[in-house]
Amino acid sequence: MKKLFLNPFIFLLLFMQSQSRAEEKHENGEKPDISGIMMHHILDSHDWHLTDIPGKWLGREEKLPIALHLPWFFYNKTEKKFEFFRNTHALVESGKYVVMHEHVYAAGESKKMEAGSQKMEDNEHSTNSEHAEVSYNPDVKIIDLSLTKTSFQMMLVMFFLLYLFISVAKRYKQNPVSSPKGIQSVLEPIIVFVRDDIAKPNIGPKYEKLLPLLLCFFFFIWISNLLGLVPVNMNIMGNISVTAALAIVTFTITQFRGSKDYWAHIFWFPGVNIGVKFLMMIVEIVGLFTKPFALTVRLFANIAAGHFMILGLVGLIFIIKYAAIPLTFIFVLFISTLELLVGIVQAYVFTLLSSIFIGSAMVSHHAHEEGH
């Protein structure tokens, strides 16, 4: 419940960021780019930009950016060497590389970008002037290994879960027969629920080998969704590459755990004439890929939609002016509270569907034998 009371600060943080950028646009005689501000909050990047504080800094009137900069680390395949830069500004200042839409390229003159279409970026702002051209060398191949906001927060969630469950496991070893206390009393009912209501009914007698995977799915998605509602944190499940990676894990486990009867139903459907077999083969093969696709899009869309709604409501302030602040605050608080429920529901749905897909591939052979 403490996170519920933190949600108003999301509104305050978003408002500060949006107001800073809106004022910057207003000073240049432009209208605030609400859609651009929204996309900046949703898309992944190498910098956490919180807000800009106007004032006199180092004897000059300017805005002081409050941001956390992540380092760049990549492999230059052409020069066959690793490169490391402490932040985006240091990378660009080196003169060897340029950054465009959060991707690093070798600097060069072989290709010119149209003004305004592809801009070099420093933090979330362009390092060049609005009409400057950016050039890069497409012949130099670079493998980017840098941490972004999403990957960095994924690591934080992983370390948090490791600390949480290792500490709980130690307490169980020390007092195996004692009643759960503290965080144990919170986690145990959830673990039992995943075991008894998700794993056992859908996977069957061999559920124990896959229970750790289902628990990882559930807690990783749930904790990531909760942290996505706290100011400064990145919305991990709002990144489709993350949800796709989770769906690929489910897809891979399903295929490797599939029985002979499972594969027989895909490539040579039993009990139908040969003409229908080829038709069913096409349908089943397509179905192999529609399941992970559905897992990917369902999780991504439900989580990203809530954040888009919050950002859209904040953007209304600059459309119907500051009189909308009280009403917007109420709606943002309501949507944020709803997101708490959506976060755990989507963790449950993803875990449930994964267990159904894996379990159906495993038990089909036994079901076929029992039918005979």
Protein backbone atom coordinates (compact mmCIF):
# COMPACT_ATOMS: atom_id res chain seq x y z
CA MET A 1 0.00 0.00 0.00
CA LYS A 2 2.97 2.34 0.47
CA LYS A 3 3.46 2.40 -3.30
CA LEU A 4 -0.09 3.68 -3.68
CA PHE A 5 0.83 6.82 -1.77
CA LEU A 6 3.96 7.26 -3.89
CA ASN A 7 1.88 7.51 -7.04
CA PRO A 8 1.04 11.23 -6.64
CA PHE A 9 4.77 11.87 -6.90
CA ILE A 10 4.67 10.30 -10.36
CA PHE A 11 2.31 13.06 -11.36
CA LEU A 12 4.61 15.69 -9.83
CA LEU A 13 7.70 14.28 -11.54
CA LEU A 14 6.03 14.01 -14.93
CA PHE A 15 4.63 17.50 -14.56
CA MET A 16 8.07 18.93 -13.73
CA GLN A 17 9.64 17.24 -16.75
CA SER A 18 6.81 18.21 -19.09
CA GLN A 19 6.75 21.79 -17.81
CA SER A 20 10.51 22.13 -18.30
CA ARG A 21 10.30 21.00 -21.90
CA ALA A 22 7.16 22.98 -22.59
CA GLU A 23 8.83 26.15 -21.33
CA GLU A 24 11.83 25.43 -23.51
CA LYS A 25 9.59 25.11 -26.55
CA HIS A 26 7.68 28.23 -25.58
CA GLU A 27 10.90 30.25 -25.37
CA ASN A 28 11.71 29.19 -28.92
CA GLY A 29 8.25 30.21 -30.11
CA GLU A 30 7.12 26.61 -30.61
CA LYS A 31 4.19 24.64 -29.28
CA PRO A 32 4.97 21.93 -26.71
CA ASP A 33 5.54 18.57 -28.37
CA ILE A 34 3.33 16.42 -26.12
CA SER A 35 3.77 13.27 -28.22
CA GLY A 36 7.55 13.73 -28.17
CA ILE A 37 7.54 14.07 -24.39
CA MET A 38 5.41 10.93 -24.09
CA MET A 39 7.69 8.90 -26.35
CA HIS A 40 10.74 10.06 -24.39
CA HIS A 41 9.26 8.58 -21.20
CA ILE A 42 8.33 5.30 -22.90
CA LEU A 43 11.36 4.62 -25.13
CA ASP A 44 14.59 3.19 -23.80
CA SER A 45 17.71 5.35 -23.52
CA HIS A 46 21.13 5.66 -21.87
CA ASP A 47 20.17 8.56 -19.61
CA TRP A 48 17.63 9.12 -16.83
CA HIS A 49 16.63 12.75 -17.28
CA LEU A 50 14.49 13.94 -14.36
CA THR A 51 14.09 17.67 -14.85
CA ASP A 52 15.93 20.95 -15.48
CA ILE A 53 16.43 23.49 -12.70
CA PRO A 54 16.61 27.07 -14.03
CA GLY A 55 19.00 29.48 -12.33
CA LYS A 56 22.44 31.02 -12.36
CA TRP A 57 25.03 28.26 -12.52
CA LEU A 58 28.78 28.94 -12.77
CA GLY A 59 28.06 32.59 -13.42
CA ARG A 60 25.69 31.94 -16.33
CA GLU A 61 21.92 31.91 -16.60
CA GLU A 62 21.08 28.39 -17.71
CA LYS A 63 19.15 25.28 -16.79
CA LEU A 64 20.86 22.65 -14.70
CA PRO A 65 19.83 19.15 -15.86
CA ILE A 66 19.19 16.58 -13.16
CA ALA A 67 19.99 13.24 -14.76
CA LEU A 68 21.72 9.89 -14.31
CA HIS A 69 24.04 8.98 -17.19
CA LEU A 70 24.86 5.36 -18.01
CA PRO A 71 28.20 4.47 -19.63
CA TRP A 72 28.67 3.29 -23.21
CA PHE A 73 30.48 0.01 -23.85
CA PHE A 74 30.70 -1.51 -27.34
CA TYR A 75 32.90 -3.53 -29.69
CA ASN A 76 34.20 -1.99 -32.90
CA LYS A 77 34.36 -4.94 -35.31
CA THR A 78 36.26 -2.97 -37.97
CA GLU A 79 39.05 -1.88 -35.61
CA LYS A 80 38.67 -5.07 -33.53
CA LYS A 81 38.69 -3.36 -30.15
CA PHE A 82 36.39 -2.57 -27.24
CA GLU A 83 35.48 1.04 -26.44
CA PHE A 84 34.29 2.52 -23.15
CA PHE A 85 32.90 6.01 -22.46
CA ARG A 86 31.52 7.21 -19.15
CA ASN A 87 28.48 8.95 -20.70
CA THR A 88 26.93 10.12 -23.96
CA HIS A 89 28.64 13.51 -23.83
CA ALA A 90 32.11 11.93 -23.52
CA LEU A 91 31.28 9.60 -26.41
CA VAL A 92 30.28 12.46 -28.71
CA GLU A 93 33.16 14.70 -27.58
CA SER A 94 35.65 12.01 -28.63
CA GLY A 95 34.89 12.89 -32.25
CA LYS A 96 35.15 9.24 -33.27
CA TYR A 97 31.49 8.34 -32.83
CA VAL A 98 28.04 9.84 -33.13
CA VAL A 99 24.82 8.90 -31.34
CA MET A 100 21.55 8.84 -33.25
CA HIS A 101 18.32 7.65 -31.66
CA GLU A 102 20.25 5.92 -28.87
CA HIS A 103 22.45 3.96 -31.32
CA VAL A 104 26.18 4.53 -31.70
CA TYR A 105 27.83 4.88 -35.13
CA ALA A 106 31.35 5.65 -36.28
CA ALA A 107 31.74 9.26 -37.37
CA GLY A 108 32.33 9.77 -41.05
CA GLU A 109 31.41 11.64 -44.22
CA SER A 110 29.99 8.81 -46.32
CA LYS A 111 26.35 9.61 -45.61
CA LYS A 112 24.55 12.84 -44.78
CA MET A 113 21.30 13.02 -42.88
CA GLU A 114 18.56 15.48 -43.70
CA ALA A 115 18.23 18.24 -41.15
CA GLY A 116 15.77 17.32 -38.43
CA SER A 117 15.32 13.69 -39.54
CA GLN A 118 18.21 12.09 -37.70
CA LYS A 119 19.84 14.16 -34.97
CA MET A 120 22.80 13.47 -32.81
CA GLU A 121 21.67 13.09 -29.24
CA ASP A 122 23.21 14.14 -25.95
CA ASN A 123 21.02 12.82 -23.13
CA GLU A 124 17.59 13.27 -24.66
CA HIS A 125 18.54 16.52 -26.47
CA SER A 126 20.34 16.92 -29.79
CA THR A 127 24.03 17.80 -29.52
CA ASN A 128 23.89 19.65 -32.83
CA SER A 129 21.86 22.68 -33.72
CA GLU A 130 18.36 22.16 -35.02
CA HIS A 131 19.50 22.44 -38.65
CA ALA A 132 22.87 20.74 -38.36
CA GLU A 133 23.65 17.66 -40.40
CA VAL A 134 24.89 14.44 -38.84
CA SER A 135 27.27 12.16 -40.71
CA TYR A 136 28.33 8.61 -39.96
CA ASN A 137 30.23 5.78 -41.59
CA PRO A 138 27.95 2.77 -42.22
CA ASP A 139 30.92 0.59 -43.17
CA VAL A 140 32.15 0.47 -39.57
CA LYS A 141 30.29 -2.29 -37.74
CA ILE A 142 29.65 -1.79 -34.04
CA ILE A 143 28.23 -4.28 -31.53
CA ASP A 144 26.66 -2.23 -28.74
CA LEU A 145 26.97 -3.88 -25.30
CA SER A 146 25.99 -0.81 -23.28
CA LEU A 147 23.58 -0.80 -20.39
CA THR A 148 20.36 1.11 -21.03
CA LYS A 149 17.66 2.12 -18.56
CA THR A 150 15.76 -1.10 -19.26
CA SER A 151 18.70 -3.50 -18.98
CA PHE A 152 20.04 -1.68 -15.89
CA GLN A 153 16.69 -1.93 -14.12
CA MET A 154 16.33 -5.57 -15.13
CA MET A 155 19.58 -6.21 -13.29
CA LEU A 156 18.29 -4.32 -10.26
CA VAL A 157 15.13 -6.44 -10.22
CA MET A 158 17.22 -9.61 -10.56
CA PHE A 159 19.51 -8.70 -7.64
CA PHE A 160 16.52 -7.68 -5.55
CA LEU A 161 14.77 -11.02 -6.16
CA LEU A 162 17.97 -12.96 -5.47
CA TYR A 163 18.45 -11.14 -2.18
CA LEU A 164 14.79 -11.59 -1.27
CA PHE A 165 14.53 -15.32 -1.93
CA ILE A 166 17.99 -16.25 -0.67
CA SER A 167 17.29 -14.50 2.63
CA VAL A 168 13.91 -16.23 2.91
CA ALA A 169 15.47 -19.62 2.06
CA LYS A 170 18.06 -19.16 4.81
CA ARG A 171 15.31 -18.47 7.34
CA TYR A 172 13.51 -21.66 6.31
CA LYS A 173 16.72 -23.66 6.75
CA GLN A 174 17.31 -22.18 10.17
CA ASN A 175 13.72 -22.74 11.36
CA PRO A 176 12.11 -25.33 9.05
CA VAL A 177 9.12 -26.02 11.30
CA SER A 178 8.41 -22.51 12.54
CA SER A 179 5.54 -20.43 11.18
CA PRO A 180 6.52 -17.87 8.52
CA LYS A 181 7.20 -14.33 9.70
CA GLY A 182 7.74 -11.00 8.01
CA ILE A 183 8.35 -11.25 4.28
CA GLN A 184 8.02 -15.05 4.51
CA SER A 185 4.35 -14.68 5.40
CA VAL A 186 3.84 -12.57 2.27
CA LEU A 187 5.77 -14.73 -0.19
CA GLU A 188 4.65 -18.18 0.97
CA PRO A 189 0.94 -17.83 0.00
CA ILE A 190 1.97 -16.51 -3.45
CA ILE A 191 4.42 -19.37 -4.01
CA VAL A 192 1.82 -21.92 -2.89
CA PHE A 193 -0.75 -20.30 -5.19
CA VAL A 194 1.57 -20.54 -8.21
CA ARG A 195 2.35 -24.15 -7.33
CA ASP A 196 -1.16 -25.41 -6.57
CA ASP A 197 -3.31 -23.28 -8.90
CA ILE A 198 -1.02 -22.75 -11.89
CA ALA A 199 1.74 -25.38 -12.09
CA LYS A 200 0.01 -28.54 -10.84
CA PRO A 201 -3.29 -28.28 -12.79
CA ASN A 202 -1.67 -27.32 -16.10
CA ILE A 203 1.64 -29.20 -16.15
CA GLY A 204 0.78 -32.32 -14.19
CA PRO A 205 2.99 -34.66 -12.15
CA LYS A 206 6.24 -33.24 -13.60
CA TYR A 207 5.47 -29.72 -12.46
CA GLU A 208 8.34 -29.53 -9.94
CA LYS A 209 11.02 -29.16 -12.63
CA LEU A 210 9.22 -26.19 -14.16
CA LEU A 211 7.96 -24.55 -10.98
CA PRO A 212 11.14 -22.41 -10.56
CA LEU A 213 10.65 -21.04 -14.09
CA LEU A 214 7.01 -20.14 -13.44
CA LEU A 215 7.94 -18.48 -10.14
CA CYS A 216 10.63 -16.46 -11.95
CA PHE A 217 8.08 -15.34 -14.54
CA PHE A 218 5.53 -14.32 -11.94
CA PHE A 219 7.80 -12.43 -9.55
CA PHE A 220 9.98 -10.82 -12.22
CA ILE A 221 6.96 -9.42 -14.08
CA TRP A 222 5.14 -8.39 -10.92
CA ILE A 223 8.09 -6.63 -9.24
CA SER A 224 9.03 -4.95 -12.54
CA ASN A 225 5.49 -3.62 -12.90
CA LEU A 226 5.48 -2.30 -9.33
CA LEU A 227 8.83 -0.56 -9.75
CA GLY A 228 7.58 0.94 -13.01
CA LEU A 229 5.04 2.90 -10.98
CA VAL A 230 7.67 4.44 -8.72
CA PRO A 231 9.22 7.75 -9.85
CA VAL A 232 12.60 7.59 -11.63
CA ASN A 233 12.20 3.89 -12.50
CA MET A 234 11.88 2.54 -16.04
CA ASN A 235 8.76 0.68 -17.16
CA ILE A 236 10.43 -2.62 -18.08
CA MET A 237 7.35 -4.45 -19.33
CA GLY A 238 6.49 -1.45 -21.49
CA ASN A 239 9.47 -2.46 -23.65
CA ILE A 240 8.34 -5.01 -26.24
CA SER A 241 11.85 -6.50 -26.53
CA VAL A 242 11.62 -7.60 -22.87
CA THR A 243 8.18 -9.19 -23.23
CA ALA A 244 9.34 -10.84 -26.47
CA ALA A 245 12.35 -12.32 -24.67
CA LEU A 246 10.09 -13.78 -21.96
CA ALA A 247 7.76 -15.21 -24.61
CA ILE A 248 10.72 -16.76 -26.47
CA VAL A 249 11.73 -18.54 -23.26
CA THR A 250 8.22 -20.02 -23.01
CA PHE A 251 8.30 -20.95 -26.70
CA THR A 252 11.71 -22.66 -26.38
CA ILE A 253 10.77 -24.64 -23.26
CA THR A 254 7.51 -25.71 -24.90
CA GLN A 255 9.29 -27.14 -27.94
CA PHE A 256 11.99 -28.91 -25.94
CA ARG A 257 9.48 -30.41 -23.51
CA GLY A 258 7.08 -31.44 -26.26
CA SER A 259 6.22 -35.15 -26.46
CA LYS A 260 6.14 -37.31 -29.59
CA ASP A 261 2.37 -36.99 -29.71
CA TYR A 262 2.71 -33.20 -29.57
CA TRP A 263 4.91 -33.17 -32.65
CA ALA A 264 2.70 -35.75 -34.36
CA HIS A 265 -0.29 -33.43 -33.97
CA ILE A 266 1.69 -30.62 -35.55
CA PHE A 267 3.22 -32.35 -38.59
CA TRP A 268 0.86 -35.31 -39.20
CA PHE A 269 -2.46 -34.75 -37.44
CA PRO A 270 -3.93 -38.19 -36.54
CA GLY A 271 -7.46 -39.28 -37.34
CA VAL A 272 -8.03 -37.21 -40.51
CA ASN A 273 -7.58 -37.93 -44.22
CA ILE A 274 -4.33 -37.04 -45.94
CA GLY A 275 -5.72 -33.90 -47.61
CA VAL A 276 -6.73 -32.40 -44.29
CA LYS A 277 -3.40 -33.42 -42.72
CA PHE A 278 -1.50 -30.93 -44.90
CA LEU A 279 -4.02 -28.20 -44.10
CA MET A 280 -3.79 -28.93 -40.38
CA MET A 281 0.02 -28.91 -40.61
CA ILE A 282 -0.06 -25.31 -41.85
CA VAL A 283 -2.52 -24.31 -39.15
CA GLU A 284 -0.48 -25.95 -36.37
CA ILE A 285 2.82 -24.47 -37.55
CA VAL A 286 1.27 -21.00 -37.61
CA GLY A 287 -0.12 -21.68 -34.15
CA LEU A 288 3.40 -22.37 -32.86
CA PHE A 289 4.32 -18.74 -33.45
CA THR A 290 1.01 -17.04 -32.70
CA LYS A 291 1.15 -18.22 -29.07
CA PRO A 292 4.44 -16.46 -28.16
CA PHE A 293 3.32 -13.47 -30.24
CA ALA A 294 0.12 -13.25 -28.18
CA LEU A 295 2.13 -13.49 -24.95
CA THR A 296 4.43 -10.70 -26.12
CA VAL A 297 1.75 -8.26 -27.25
CA ARG A 298 -0.69 -8.91 -24.39
CA LEU A 299 1.86 -8.11 -21.67
CA PHE A 300 3.42 -5.18 -23.53
CA ALA A 301 0.13 -3.55 -24.55
CA ASN A 302 -1.52 -3.77 -21.14
CA ILE A 303 1.45 -2.30 -19.28
CA ALA A 304 2.37 0.37 -21.84
CA ALA A 305 -1.26 1.48 -22.20
CA GLY A 306 -1.49 2.56 -18.57
CA HIS A 307 1.65 4.67 -18.83
CA PHE A 308 0.47 6.26 -22.06
CA MET A 309 -2.80 7.16 -20.34
CA ILE A 310 -0.96 8.82 -17.45
CA LEU A 311 1.31 10.75 -19.80
CA GLY A 312 -1.64 11.75 -21.96
CA LEU A 313 -3.48 13.10 -18.92
CA VAL A 314 -0.43 15.14 -17.90
CA GLY A 315 -0.24 16.47 -21.46
CA LEU A 316 -3.79 17.81 -21.16
CA ILE A 317 -2.44 20.48 -18.81
CA PHE A 318 -0.72 22.16 -21.74
CA ILE A 319 -3.79 21.88 -23.96
CA ILE A 320 -6.51 23.13 -21.63
CA LYS A 321 -4.09 25.06 -19.38
CA TYR A 322 -3.44 24.83 -15.65
CA ALA A 323 -7.10 24.75 -14.65
CA ALA A 324 -6.96 21.03 -15.50
CA ILE A 325 -4.35 20.24 -12.82
CA PRO A 326 -6.76 19.16 -10.01
CA LEU A 327 -8.84 16.96 -12.32
CA THR A 328 -5.75 15.55 -14.00
CA PHE A 329 -4.21 14.74 -10.63
CA ILE A 330 -7.32 12.76 -9.61
CA PHE A 331 -7.35 10.78 -12.86
CA VAL A 332 -3.61 10.09 -12.70
CA LEU A 333 -4.02 8.79 -9.16
CA PHE A 334 -6.91 6.58 -10.27
CA ILE A 335 -5.03 5.15 -13.27
CA SER A 336 -1.93 4.58 -11.13
CA THR A 337 -4.01 2.69 -8.58
CA LEU A 338 -5.51 0.62 -11.38
CA GLU A 339 -2.00 -0.10 -12.63
CA LEU A 340 -1.22 -1.77 -9.30
CA LEU A 341 -3.96 -4.30 -10.03
CA VAL A 342 -3.00 -4.66 -13.70
CA GLY A 343 0.61 -5.32 -12.72
CA ILE A 344 -0.17 -8.45 -10.71
CA VAL A 345 -2.96 -9.61 -13.05
CA GLN A 346 -0.62 -9.52 -16.05
CA ALA A 347 2.02 -11.42 -14.09
CA TYR A 348 -0.60 -14.07 -13.32
CA VAL A 349 -1.91 -14.23 -16.91
CA PHE A 350 1.56 -14.58 -18.44
CA THR A 351 2.53 -17.31 -15.95
CA LEU A 352 -0.80 -19.13 -16.41
CA LEU A 353 -0.63 -19.12 -20.22
CA SER A 354 3.00 -20.22 -20.17
CA SER A 355 2.11 -23.18 -17.95
CA ILE A 356 -0.81 -24.08 -20.24
CA PHE A 357 1.35 -23.99 -23.38
CA ILE A 358 4.15 -26.03 -21.78
CA GLY A 359 1.78 -28.44 -20.06
CA SER A 360 -0.26 -29.14 -23.20
CA ALA A 361 2.96 -30.07 -25.03
CA MET A 362 4.04 -32.40 -22.23
CA VAL A 363 0.81 -34.24 -21.38
CA SER A 364 -0.55 -34.75 -24.87
CA HIS A 365 1.28 -38.06 -25.23
CA HIS A 366 -0.21 -39.44 -22.02
CA ALA A 367 -3.66 -38.18 -22.97
CA HIS A 368 -3.34 -39.94 -26.32
CA GLU A 369 -2.41 -43.22 -24.64
CA GLU A 370 -5.28 -42.98 -22.18
CA GLY A 371 -7.68 -42.38 -25.07
CA HIS A 372 -6.68 -45.75 -26.52
